[in-house]
């Protein structure tokens, strides 16, 4: 019965994780349409890519037996995240692009190191522990990467840059894999996904608090627009007054000339 329950949560984790990987499609469609990454952060997508690569490696039979469901979804996630990272690099500003390229280089180096060490230097349970620790550390980093966006939400009181579907998917995915790890007595799956479930819940709470707020950024923008409009109106009024003054002066001058000239 326990194996059936574990298989069920593994399959549900695959389905929910797929939604998690696909949830930023709306965000990236906006980036493509506006040809700008705006205030969106590319860090979560790089961290998710690293997590997917390490988790897919950890789930392989010669590393961690009976975890093939971990490999199937994370292999798919790796391909999806690569697409996101490429799109972000294309439309990011030069400074952001260079920072993202540096982060992508770190991701590639870490994954390559883990693979080579596990294949050439470790065997059996040692290989599982090493790969499991690596996957756990960077899974927690992946789930923690939206903390910068959460800070932005609190600062601006706006959830514009924290998509609801992404937050919901993080919570559901973390919960499913947390239960999967508990049933399989696998701390390398249970611990990071337990953290992910908690952080996903925090994002949902923030969304509930600030979803109806317009945000300080938007308010500031409207205030600046109103001030500019008022300034334009003042300039227009001043121009009209100046024109009237000139007209009156010309009229007075003409009247004086008529009085002064003989009939």
Protein backbone atom coordinates (compact mmCIF):
# COMPACT_ATOMS: atom_id res chain seq x y z
CA UNK A 1 0.00 0.00 0.00
CA UNK A 2 2.85 2.35 0.84
CA UNK A 3 4.44 1.72 -2.57
CA UNK A 4 1.15 2.52 -4.31
CA UNK A 5 0.78 5.77 -2.35
CA UNK A 6 4.37 6.70 -3.16
CA UNK A 7 3.80 5.99 -6.86
CA UNK A 8 0.63 8.12 -6.75
CA UNK A 9 2.41 11.12 -5.22
CA UNK A 10 5.30 10.61 -7.64
CA UNK A 11 2.96 10.76 -10.63
CA UNK A 12 1.03 13.70 -9.20
CA UNK A 13 4.37 15.38 -8.51
CA UNK A 14 5.31 14.87 -12.16
CA UNK A 15 2.04 16.43 -13.36
CA UNK A 16 2.19 19.40 -10.96
CA UNK A 17 5.89 19.94 -11.65
CA UNK A 18 5.12 20.09 -15.37
CA UNK A 19 2.60 22.85 -14.66
CA UNK A 20 5.27 24.52 -12.53
CA UNK A 21 7.75 24.44 -15.39
CA UNK A 22 5.14 25.73 -17.86
CA UNK A 23 3.62 28.41 -15.60
CA UNK A 24 6.18 31.10 -16.60
CA UNK A 25 5.02 30.86 -20.25
CA UNK A 26 2.77 33.90 -19.70
CA UNK A 27 5.70 35.82 -18.26
CA UNK A 28 7.99 34.96 -21.15
CA UNK A 29 5.29 35.76 -23.69
CA UNK A 30 5.15 39.23 -22.10
CA UNK A 31 8.95 39.50 -22.31
CA UNK A 32 8.89 38.54 -26.00
CA UNK A 33 6.00 40.90 -26.77
CA UNK A 34 7.62 43.87 -24.99
CA UNK A 35 11.13 42.84 -26.03
CA UNK A 36 12.30 43.55 -22.49
CA UNK A 37 12.76 41.57 -19.27
CA UNK A 38 11.55 44.62 -17.27
CA UNK A 39 11.92 43.91 -13.51
CA UNK A 40 11.65 40.14 -13.86
CA UNK A 41 14.55 38.23 -12.35
CA UNK A 42 16.38 35.54 -14.30
CA UNK A 43 17.94 34.00 -11.19
CA UNK A 44 15.04 31.58 -10.46
CA UNK A 45 15.26 30.06 -13.94
CA UNK A 46 19.00 29.42 -13.69
CA UNK A 47 18.59 27.91 -10.24
CA UNK A 48 15.69 25.78 -11.44
CA UNK A 49 17.82 24.56 -14.35
CA UNK A 50 20.61 23.50 -11.98
CA UNK A 51 18.13 21.81 -9.66
CA UNK A 52 16.54 19.90 -12.55
CA UNK A 53 19.90 18.72 -13.86
CA UNK A 54 21.11 17.51 -10.45
CA UNK A 55 17.76 15.92 -9.53
CA UNK A 56 17.53 14.14 -12.88
CA UNK A 57 21.03 12.78 -12.31
CA UNK A 58 20.18 11.73 -8.74
CA UNK A 59 17.10 9.81 -9.91
CA UNK A 60 19.02 7.61 -12.36
CA UNK A 61 19.04 3.89 -11.39
CA UNK A 62 22.83 3.65 -10.99
CA UNK A 63 22.79 6.60 -8.57
CA UNK A 64 19.52 6.22 -6.66
CA UNK A 65 17.38 3.10 -7.28
CA UNK A 66 13.57 3.33 -7.46
CA UNK A 67 13.51 7.05 -8.19
CA UNK A 68 13.00 7.04 -11.95
CA UNK A 69 9.98 9.34 -11.59
CA UNK A 70 12.39 11.97 -10.29
CA UNK A 71 14.46 11.66 -13.46
CA UNK A 72 11.56 11.79 -15.93
CA UNK A 73 10.13 15.12 -14.78
CA UNK A 74 13.46 16.79 -14.06
CA UNK A 75 14.83 15.78 -17.45
CA UNK A 76 11.78 17.44 -19.04
CA UNK A 77 12.19 20.45 -16.75
CA UNK A 78 15.81 20.87 -17.77
CA UNK A 79 14.85 21.21 -21.44
CA UNK A 80 12.10 23.73 -20.62
CA UNK A 81 14.36 25.83 -18.39
CA UNK A 82 17.05 26.00 -21.06
CA UNK A 83 14.47 27.61 -23.37
CA UNK A 84 13.52 30.15 -20.69
CA UNK A 85 17.15 31.07 -20.00
CA UNK A 86 17.87 31.58 -23.71
CA UNK A 87 14.83 33.87 -24.12
CA UNK A 88 15.86 35.85 -21.04
CA UNK A 89 19.38 36.28 -22.40
CA UNK A 90 18.06 37.51 -25.75
CA UNK A 91 15.86 40.28 -24.32
CA UNK A 92 17.82 41.28 -21.20
CA UNK A 93 19.78 44.52 -21.02
CA UNK A 94 23.53 44.21 -21.59
CA UNK A 95 24.47 44.39 -17.90
CA UNK A 96 21.81 41.87 -16.90
CA UNK A 97 22.76 39.60 -19.80
CA UNK A 98 26.40 39.47 -18.72
CA UNK A 99 25.37 38.67 -15.15
CA UNK A 100 23.08 35.92 -16.40
CA UNK A 101 25.79 34.45 -18.60
CA UNK A 102 28.11 34.32 -15.61
CA UNK A 103 25.43 32.56 -13.56
CA UNK A 104 24.79 30.10 -16.39
CA UNK A 105 28.51 29.32 -16.49
CA UNK A 106 28.45 28.56 -12.76
CA UNK A 107 25.42 26.28 -13.23
CA UNK A 108 27.17 24.34 -15.99
CA UNK A 109 30.40 24.04 -13.99
CA UNK A 110 28.65 22.74 -10.86
CA UNK A 111 26.66 20.11 -12.73
CA UNK A 112 29.71 18.94 -14.68
CA UNK A 113 31.74 18.64 -11.47
CA UNK A 114 29.04 16.60 -9.71
CA UNK A 115 28.73 14.22 -12.66
CA UNK A 116 32.48 13.65 -13.04
CA UNK A 117 33.11 13.16 -9.31
CA UNK A 118 30.19 10.76 -8.90
CA UNK A 119 31.24 8.69 -11.92
CA UNK A 120 35.01 8.62 -11.43
CA UNK A 121 35.53 8.79 -7.67
CA UNK A 122 32.45 7.32 -5.99
CA UNK A 123 30.44 4.11 -6.04
CA UNK A 124 27.39 2.61 -4.36
CA UNK A 125 25.96 4.44 -1.36
CA UNK A 126 28.73 7.04 -1.44
CA UNK A 127 27.64 8.09 -4.92
CA UNK A 128 24.01 8.33 -3.78
CA UNK A 129 24.87 10.43 -0.72
CA UNK A 130 27.13 12.80 -2.69
CA UNK A 131 24.61 13.36 -5.51
CA UNK A 132 21.75 13.55 -3.00
CA UNK A 133 23.50 16.26 -0.97
CA UNK A 134 24.23 18.26 -4.10
CA UNK A 135 20.63 17.95 -5.29
CA UNK A 136 19.32 18.90 -1.82
CA UNK A 137 21.49 22.01 -1.48
CA UNK A 138 20.58 23.40 -4.88
CA UNK A 139 16.93 22.41 -4.58
CA UNK A 140 16.75 24.60 -1.49
CA UNK A 141 18.55 27.36 -3.42
CA UNK A 142 16.00 27.01 -6.22
CA UNK A 143 13.06 27.31 -3.88
CA UNK A 144 14.73 30.24 -2.08
CA UNK A 145 15.59 32.15 -5.27
CA UNK A 146 12.18 33.91 -5.45
CA UNK A 147 12.98 35.56 -2.09
CA UNK A 148 14.24 38.59 -4.03
CA UNK A 149 10.86 38.85 -5.75
CA UNK A 150 9.08 38.43 -2.41
CA UNK A 151 11.15 41.33 -1.07
CA UNK A 152 10.13 43.41 -4.12
CA UNK A 153 6.47 42.57 -3.47
CA UNK A 154 6.74 43.78 0.13
CA UNK A 155 8.62 46.92 -0.91
CA UNK A 156 6.28 47.95 -3.75
CA UNK A 157 3.11 46.41 -2.29
CA UNK A 158 2.43 44.97 -5.74
CA UNK A 159 2.36 41.35 -6.99
CA UNK A 160 2.87 42.33 -10.63
CA UNK A 161 6.23 40.55 -10.83
CA UNK A 162 5.26 37.50 -8.74
CA UNK A 163 2.86 35.47 -10.94
CA UNK A 164 0.15 33.65 -9.00
CA UNK A 165 0.34 30.44 -11.03
CA UNK A 166 4.06 30.15 -10.36
CA UNK A 167 3.57 30.57 -6.60
CA UNK A 168 0.71 28.06 -6.52
CA UNK A 169 2.67 25.52 -8.53
CA UNK A 170 5.68 25.87 -6.21
CA UNK A 171 3.49 25.12 -3.20
CA UNK A 172 1.69 22.11 -4.74
CA UNK A 173 4.84 20.66 -6.28
CA UNK A 174 6.84 20.99 -3.08
CA UNK A 175 4.06 19.35 -1.06
CA UNK A 176 3.69 16.37 -3.44
CA UNK A 177 7.40 15.61 -3.57
CA UNK A 178 7.73 16.16 0.19
CA UNK A 179 5.18 13.39 0.79
CA UNK A 180 6.87 11.23 -1.89
CA UNK A 181 10.18 11.60 -0.07
CA UNK A 182 8.65 10.80 3.31
CA UNK A 183 7.01 7.63 2.01
CA UNK A 184 10.27 6.53 0.42
CA UNK A 185 12.27 7.51 3.49
CA UNK A 186 14.50 9.60 1.25
CA UNK A 187 15.70 12.75 3.06
CA UNK A 188 17.33 14.05 -0.13
CA UNK A 189 13.84 14.44 -1.61
CA UNK A 190 11.79 15.20 1.52
CA UNK A 191 13.93 17.99 3.04
CA UNK A 192 14.28 20.36 0.05
CA UNK A 193 10.70 19.91 -1.05
CA UNK A 194 9.47 20.51 2.49
CA UNK A 195 11.30 23.85 2.35
CA UNK A 196 9.76 24.49 -1.07
CA UNK A 197 6.27 23.81 0.21
CA UNK A 198 6.78 26.30 3.06
CA UNK A 199 8.20 29.05 0.80
CA UNK A 200 5.41 28.48 -1.72
CA UNK A 201 2.90 28.97 1.09
CA UNK A 202 4.61 32.25 2.04
CA UNK A 203 4.31 33.47 -1.55
CA UNK A 204 0.60 32.66 -1.60
CA UNK A 205 0.12 34.57 1.65
CA UNK A 206 1.90 37.60 0.17
CA UNK A 207 -0.25 37.35 -2.93
CA UNK A 208 -3.42 37.30 -0.81
CA UNK A 209 -2.24 40.39 1.10
CA UNK A 210 -1.12 42.54 -1.84
CA UNK A 211 -3.19 41.32 -4.81
CA UNK A 212 -5.58 44.31 -4.60
CA UNK A 213 -2.85 46.89 -4.03
CA UNK A 214 -1.85 49.06 -6.98
CA UNK A 215 1.69 49.39 -5.67
CA UNK A 216 3.94 52.32 -4.89
CA UNK A 217 5.61 52.19 -8.29
CA UNK A 218 2.34 52.60 -10.15
CA UNK A 219 1.21 55.36 -7.76
CA UNK A 220 4.48 57.20 -8.20
CA UNK A 221 4.13 56.94 -11.97
CA UNK A 222 0.62 58.34 -11.86
CA UNK A 223 1.75 61.16 -9.55
CA UNK A 224 4.55 62.12 -11.93
CA UNK A 225 2.15 62.07 -14.87
CA UNK A 226 -0.33 64.28 -13.02
CA UNK A 227 2.42 66.70 -12.03
CA UNK A 228 3.66 66.88 -15.62
CA UNK A 229 0.12 67.48 -16.88
CA UNK A 230 -0.39 70.27 -14.32
CA UNK A 231 2.92 71.83 -15.31
CA UNK A 232 1.88 71.78 -18.97
CA UNK A 233 -1.42 73.45 -18.08
CA UNK A 234 0.43 76.19 -16.18
CA UNK A 235 2.75 76.76 -19.14
CA UNK A 236 -0.21 76.97 -21.52
CA UNK A 237 -2.02 79.45 -19.27
CA UNK A 238 1.10 81.58 -18.98
CA UNK A 239 1.49 81.57 -22.77
CA UNK A 240 -2.13 82.73 -23.21
CA UNK A 241 -1.67 85.52 -20.67
CA UNK A 242 1.51 86.64 -22.42
CA UNK A 243 -0.25 86.65 -25.77
CA UNK A 244 -3.13 88.69 -24.35
CA UNK A 245 -0.72 91.17 -22.80
CA UNK A 246 1.06 91.63 -26.14
CA UNK A 247 -2.27 92.08 -27.95
CA UNK A 248 -3.43 94.70 -25.43
CA UNK A 249 -0.11 96.51 -25.70
CA UNK A 250 -0.33 96.66 -29.49
CA UNK A 251 -3.95 97.88 -29.28
CA UNK A 252 -3.04 100.62 -26.81
CA UNK A 253 -0.13 101.71 -29.00
CA UNK A 254 -2.38 101.92 -32.08
CA UNK A 255 -4.93 103.98 -30.15
CA UNK A 256 -2.24 106.40 -28.99
CA UNK A 257 -0.99 106.84 -32.56
CA UNK A 258 -4.51 107.63 -33.81
CA UNK A 259 -4.98 110.26 -31.12
CA UNK A 260 -1.61 111.82 -31.83
CA UNK A 261 -1.97 111.96 -35.66
CA UNK A 262 -3.89 114.94 -37.30
CA UNK A 263 -7.27 114.31 -38.86
